[in-house]
Amino acid sequence: DVDLQKVRAVITGRPYADLARTRAWLERHGFGHLELVMRTPDAHDETSEGAAAHKAAAALSCGVTHFIESDPVQALLIAKLAPLLRVIWWDAHTRTGTLISASAWR
C-alpha cells in the first residue's frame, strides 16, 4: 500500500550495466515514472557494505525520509550509515515491514 505519488525514487544496488533491464522491469510493473538511482561500481563495490553505502548516500542526496530495503543485512548497514533515515526491512516471505535502528551501543 505504497502511495506512489509520494515515492521519490527507486534506489538500487544494481550497477549501471543493468540500467536497461532494470528500467524495463520498472516500466512493466508500473514504476517507470520514478527516478532510478543505480550504483556506480567505481564508487561502491557489490558487497553488502558497498551496496548499503551507495543506498544510504543516494537516499540522503535524494532527500528522502523513509527507505525500504529487502536485505536485512543491508537494512542494518543503511540504518547505521544514515541514522536519521527511517529504514524499513521488508520481509517478502511474510509480507511485513520492520523498522530498523542501528544506533551505537553505549
N, C-alpha and C. Protein backbone atom coordinates (compact mmCIF):
# COMPACT_ATOMS: atom_id res chain seq x y z
N ASP A 1 0.83 -1.21 0.00
CA ASP A 1 0.00 0.00 0.00
C ASP A 1 0.86 1.25 0.00
N VAL A 2 1.79 1.34 -0.94
CA VAL A 2 2.66 2.50 -1.05
C VAL A 2 1.98 3.53 -1.94
N ASP A 3 1.86 4.75 -1.47
CA ASP A 3 1.30 5.84 -2.26
C ASP A 3 2.37 6.30 -3.23
N LEU A 4 2.24 5.91 -4.50
CA LEU A 4 3.27 6.20 -5.49
C LEU A 4 3.41 7.69 -5.77
N GLN A 5 2.44 8.49 -5.37
CA GLN A 5 2.57 9.94 -5.53
C GLN A 5 3.62 10.51 -4.58
N LYS A 6 3.92 9.77 -3.52
CA LYS A 6 4.90 10.24 -2.53
C LYS A 6 6.27 9.60 -2.70
N VAL A 7 6.36 8.58 -3.55
CA VAL A 7 7.64 7.91 -3.77
C VAL A 7 8.50 8.81 -4.64
N ARG A 8 9.74 9.07 -4.22
CA ARG A 8 10.61 9.98 -4.95
C ARG A 8 11.54 9.27 -5.91
N ALA A 9 11.98 8.06 -5.54
CA ALA A 9 12.99 7.39 -6.36
C ALA A 9 13.04 5.91 -6.03
N VAL A 10 13.58 5.16 -6.97
CA VAL A 10 13.95 3.78 -6.73
C VAL A 10 15.47 3.78 -6.67
N ILE A 11 16.00 3.41 -5.52
CA ILE A 11 17.45 3.36 -5.32
C ILE A 11 17.81 1.89 -5.27
N THR A 12 18.68 1.48 -6.16
CA THR A 12 19.03 0.07 -6.24
C THR A 12 20.54 -0.13 -6.16
N GLY A 13 20.92 -1.29 -5.69
CA GLY A 13 22.34 -1.65 -5.65
C GLY A 13 22.82 -2.23 -6.97
N ARG A 14 21.93 -2.33 -7.94
CA ARG A 14 22.34 -2.83 -9.25
C ARG A 14 23.26 -1.82 -9.92
N PRO A 15 24.25 -2.31 -10.67
CA PRO A 15 25.17 -1.39 -11.35
C PRO A 15 24.54 -0.82 -12.61
N TYR A 16 25.14 0.28 -13.11
CA TYR A 16 24.65 0.92 -14.32
C TYR A 16 24.60 -0.03 -15.51
N ALA A 17 25.41 -1.08 -15.51
CA ALA A 17 25.37 -2.05 -16.60
C ALA A 17 23.99 -2.70 -16.72
N ASP A 18 23.22 -2.72 -15.65
CA ASP A 18 21.88 -3.32 -15.64
C ASP A 18 20.77 -2.29 -15.86
N LEU A 19 21.13 -1.09 -16.30
CA LEU A 19 20.15 0.00 -16.42
C LEU A 19 18.96 -0.37 -17.31
N ALA A 20 19.21 -0.83 -18.52
CA ALA A 20 18.11 -1.11 -19.46
C ALA A 20 17.18 -2.19 -18.92
N ARG A 21 17.76 -3.26 -18.38
CA ARG A 21 16.95 -4.36 -17.84
C ARG A 21 16.14 -3.90 -16.63
N THR A 22 16.75 -3.10 -15.76
CA THR A 22 16.06 -2.61 -14.56
C THR A 22 14.95 -1.64 -14.94
N ARG A 23 15.23 -0.72 -15.85
CA ARG A 23 14.23 0.24 -16.30
C ARG A 23 13.04 -0.49 -16.94
N ALA A 24 13.31 -1.51 -17.76
CA ALA A 24 12.24 -2.27 -18.41
C ALA A 24 11.36 -2.95 -17.37
N TRP A 25 11.97 -3.55 -16.33
CA TRP A 25 11.20 -4.21 -15.27
C TRP A 25 10.32 -3.19 -14.55
N LEU A 26 10.88 -2.03 -14.21
CA LEU A 26 10.11 -1.00 -13.52
C LEU A 26 8.93 -0.54 -14.37
N GLU A 27 9.15 -0.34 -15.66
CA GLU A 27 8.07 0.08 -16.55
C GLU A 27 6.98 -0.98 -16.66
N ARG A 28 7.37 -2.25 -16.75
CA ARG A 28 6.40 -3.34 -16.82
C ARG A 28 5.52 -3.41 -15.59
N HIS A 29 6.07 -3.01 -14.43
CA HIS A 29 5.33 -3.13 -13.17
C HIS A 29 4.76 -1.80 -12.67
N GLY A 30 4.72 -0.80 -13.54
CA GLY A 30 4.07 0.47 -13.19
C GLY A 30 4.92 1.47 -12.43
N PHE A 31 6.23 1.28 -12.42
CA PHE A 31 7.11 2.20 -11.70
C PHE A 31 8.05 2.97 -12.63
N GLY A 32 7.77 2.94 -13.92
CA GLY A 32 8.66 3.55 -14.91
C GLY A 32 8.79 5.05 -14.79
N HIS A 33 7.85 5.70 -14.13
CA HIS A 33 7.89 7.16 -13.99
C HIS A 33 8.82 7.64 -12.87
N LEU A 34 9.30 6.73 -12.04
CA LEU A 34 10.12 7.12 -10.90
C LEU A 34 11.58 7.31 -11.29
N GLU A 35 12.25 8.21 -10.58
CA GLU A 35 13.70 8.37 -10.76
C GLU A 35 14.38 7.07 -10.37
N LEU A 36 15.38 6.68 -11.13
CA LEU A 36 16.13 5.45 -10.85
C LEU A 36 17.57 5.82 -10.53
N VAL A 37 18.02 5.45 -9.33
CA VAL A 37 19.38 5.74 -8.90
C VAL A 37 20.11 4.41 -8.76
N MET A 38 21.14 4.23 -9.60
CA MET A 38 21.86 2.97 -9.64
C MET A 38 23.27 3.13 -9.09
N ARG A 39 23.84 2.03 -8.65
CA ARG A 39 25.18 2.03 -8.06
C ARG A 39 26.25 2.18 -9.14
N THR A 40 27.24 2.99 -8.86
CA THR A 40 28.39 3.10 -9.75
C THR A 40 29.50 2.25 -9.15
N PRO A 41 29.90 1.18 -9.85
CA PRO A 41 30.89 0.24 -9.30
C PRO A 41 32.22 0.88 -8.93
N ASP A 42 32.60 1.97 -9.58
CA ASP A 42 33.87 2.60 -9.23
C ASP A 42 33.79 3.33 -7.88
N ALA A 43 32.59 3.67 -7.44
CA ALA A 43 32.42 4.35 -6.15
C ALA A 43 32.05 3.38 -5.03
N HIS A 44 31.24 2.37 -5.35
CA HIS A 44 30.78 1.40 -4.34
C HIS A 44 30.79 0.01 -4.97
N ASP A 45 31.45 -0.93 -4.29
CA ASP A 45 31.52 -2.29 -4.83
C ASP A 45 30.21 -3.03 -4.58
N GLU A 46 30.14 -4.30 -5.02
CA GLU A 46 28.90 -5.05 -4.94
C GLU A 46 28.73 -5.84 -3.64
N THR A 47 29.62 -5.63 -2.66
CA THR A 47 29.43 -6.27 -1.37
C THR A 47 28.22 -5.65 -0.66
N SER A 48 27.77 -6.30 0.39
CA SER A 48 26.67 -5.72 1.18
C SER A 48 27.04 -4.34 1.70
N GLU A 49 28.29 -4.20 2.13
CA GLU A 49 28.76 -2.91 2.65
C GLU A 49 28.76 -1.84 1.56
N GLY A 50 29.25 -2.21 0.36
CA GLY A 50 29.30 -1.26 -0.75
C GLY A 50 27.91 -0.86 -1.22
N ALA A 51 27.02 -1.85 -1.36
CA ALA A 51 25.65 -1.56 -1.78
C ALA A 51 24.93 -0.69 -0.75
N ALA A 52 25.12 -0.99 0.53
CA ALA A 52 24.47 -0.21 1.58
C ALA A 52 25.01 1.22 1.62
N ALA A 53 26.31 1.38 1.42
CA ALA A 53 26.90 2.73 1.41
C ALA A 53 26.32 3.54 0.25
N HIS A 54 26.19 2.90 -0.91
CA HIS A 54 25.57 3.58 -2.06
C HIS A 54 24.14 3.97 -1.74
N LYS A 55 23.36 3.05 -1.20
CA LYS A 55 21.95 3.31 -0.93
C LYS A 55 21.77 4.40 0.12
N ALA A 56 22.57 4.37 1.17
CA ALA A 56 22.47 5.41 2.20
C ALA A 56 22.82 6.78 1.63
N ALA A 57 23.90 6.86 0.87
CA ALA A 57 24.30 8.15 0.27
C ALA A 57 23.26 8.64 -0.72
N ALA A 58 22.71 7.74 -1.53
CA ALA A 58 21.70 8.13 -2.51
C ALA A 58 20.42 8.60 -1.83
N ALA A 59 20.01 7.91 -0.78
CA ALA A 59 18.80 8.32 -0.05
C ALA A 59 18.97 9.71 0.54
N LEU A 60 20.13 9.96 1.13
CA LEU A 60 20.38 11.28 1.70
C LEU A 60 20.42 12.35 0.62
N SER A 61 21.03 12.04 -0.53
CA SER A 61 21.12 13.04 -1.59
C SER A 61 19.76 13.29 -2.24
N CYS A 62 18.89 12.28 -2.25
CA CYS A 62 17.53 12.46 -2.80
C CYS A 62 16.61 13.18 -1.80
N GLY A 63 17.04 13.28 -0.56
CA GLY A 63 16.23 13.96 0.45
C GLY A 63 15.03 13.15 0.94
N VAL A 64 15.14 11.83 0.84
CA VAL A 64 14.02 11.01 1.30
C VAL A 64 14.10 10.82 2.82
N THR A 65 12.99 10.46 3.42
CA THR A 65 12.94 10.25 4.86
C THR A 65 12.76 8.78 5.23
N HIS A 66 12.26 7.98 4.26
CA HIS A 66 11.99 6.57 4.50
C HIS A 66 12.65 5.74 3.40
N PHE A 67 13.21 4.60 3.79
CA PHE A 67 13.88 3.73 2.83
C PHE A 67 13.44 2.30 3.11
N ILE A 68 12.96 1.61 2.09
CA ILE A 68 12.52 0.23 2.23
C ILE A 68 13.58 -0.67 1.61
N GLU A 69 14.10 -1.61 2.39
CA GLU A 69 15.18 -2.50 1.96
C GLU A 69 14.76 -3.95 2.19
N SER A 70 15.00 -4.80 1.19
CA SER A 70 14.60 -6.20 1.31
C SER A 70 15.69 -7.09 1.90
N ASP A 71 16.91 -6.62 1.97
CA ASP A 71 18.01 -7.42 2.52
C ASP A 71 18.24 -6.98 3.98
N PRO A 72 18.08 -7.89 4.95
CA PRO A 72 18.19 -7.48 6.36
C PRO A 72 19.57 -6.96 6.73
N VAL A 73 20.63 -7.53 6.16
CA VAL A 73 21.98 -7.06 6.48
C VAL A 73 22.16 -5.64 5.95
N GLN A 74 21.74 -5.41 4.71
CA GLN A 74 21.86 -4.06 4.16
C GLN A 74 20.99 -3.07 4.91
N ALA A 75 19.82 -3.50 5.37
CA ALA A 75 18.95 -2.62 6.14
C ALA A 75 19.68 -2.11 7.39
N LEU A 76 20.36 -3.02 8.09
CA LEU A 76 21.12 -2.63 9.28
C LEU A 76 22.26 -1.67 8.92
N LEU A 77 22.97 -1.98 7.85
CA LEU A 77 24.09 -1.14 7.44
C LEU A 77 23.62 0.25 7.01
N ILE A 78 22.51 0.31 6.28
CA ILE A 78 21.97 1.61 5.85
C ILE A 78 21.56 2.43 7.07
N ALA A 79 20.88 1.78 8.02
CA ALA A 79 20.44 2.47 9.24
C ALA A 79 21.63 3.00 10.03
N LYS A 80 22.72 2.25 10.02
CA LYS A 80 23.93 2.69 10.73
C LYS A 80 24.58 3.88 10.03
N LEU A 81 24.59 3.86 8.69
CA LEU A 81 25.22 4.93 7.91
C LEU A 81 24.38 6.20 7.85
N ALA A 82 23.08 6.06 7.97
CA ALA A 82 22.17 7.21 7.89
C ALA A 82 21.18 7.15 9.05
N PRO A 83 21.64 7.47 10.26
CA PRO A 83 20.82 7.24 11.46
C PRO A 83 19.51 8.03 11.52
N LEU A 84 19.37 9.11 10.76
CA LEU A 84 18.11 9.86 10.79
C LEU A 84 17.12 9.36 9.75
N LEU A 85 17.54 8.47 8.88
CA LEU A 85 16.69 7.89 7.86
C LEU A 85 15.87 6.76 8.49
N ARG A 86 14.59 6.72 8.21
CA ARG A 86 13.76 5.62 8.71
C ARG A 86 13.91 4.46 7.74
N VAL A 87 14.59 3.42 8.16
CA VAL A 87 14.86 2.26 7.32
C VAL A 87 13.90 1.14 7.72
N ILE A 88 13.19 0.65 6.72
CA ILE A 88 12.25 -0.44 6.94
C ILE A 88 12.76 -1.67 6.22
N TRP A 89 12.95 -2.76 6.94
CA TRP A 89 13.31 -4.02 6.31
C TRP A 89 12.02 -4.69 5.89
N TRP A 90 11.88 -4.92 4.58
CA TRP A 90 10.69 -5.58 4.04
C TRP A 90 10.97 -7.06 3.88
N ASP A 91 10.24 -7.89 4.62
CA ASP A 91 10.35 -9.34 4.53
C ASP A 91 9.28 -9.83 3.57
N ALA A 92 9.69 -10.14 2.34
CA ALA A 92 8.75 -10.55 1.30
C ALA A 92 8.05 -11.86 1.64
N HIS A 93 8.72 -12.74 2.38
CA HIS A 93 8.11 -14.04 2.71
C HIS A 93 6.89 -13.87 3.61
N THR A 94 6.98 -12.96 4.57
CA THR A 94 5.86 -12.75 5.49
C THR A 94 5.04 -11.52 5.12
N ARG A 95 5.52 -10.78 4.11
CA ARG A 95 4.86 -9.54 3.67
C ARG A 95 4.68 -8.56 4.83
N THR A 96 5.77 -8.39 5.60
CA THR A 96 5.75 -7.46 6.73
C THR A 96 6.99 -6.58 6.70
N GLY A 97 6.85 -5.42 7.29
CA GLY A 97 7.97 -4.50 7.41
C GLY A 97 8.35 -4.31 8.85
N THR A 98 9.66 -4.12 9.09
CA THR A 98 10.17 -3.89 10.43
C THR A 98 11.05 -2.66 10.41
N LEU A 99 10.76 -1.70 11.27
CA LEU A 99 11.58 -0.51 11.38
C LEU A 99 12.92 -0.89 12.01
N ILE A 100 14.00 -0.51 11.35
CA ILE A 100 15.34 -0.89 11.79
C ILE A 100 16.02 0.31 12.44
N SER A 101 16.68 0.06 13.56
CA SER A 101 17.52 1.06 14.21
C SER A 101 18.89 0.45 14.45
N ALA A 102 19.91 1.22 14.14
CA ALA A 102 21.27 0.71 14.34
C ALA A 102 22.08 1.74 15.11
N SER A 103 21.49 2.27 16.16
CA SER A 103 22.20 3.24 16.99
C SER A 103 23.37 2.57 17.70
N ALA A 104 24.39 3.33 17.93
CA ALA A 104 25.58 2.79 18.60
C ALA A 104 25.24 2.40 20.05
N TRP A 105 25.79 1.28 20.48
CA TRP A 105 25.62 0.82 21.85
C TRP A 105 26.49 1.65 22.76
N ARG A 106 25.92 2.09 23.86
CA ARG A 106 26.70 2.89 24.82
C ARG A 106 26.67 2.23 26.16
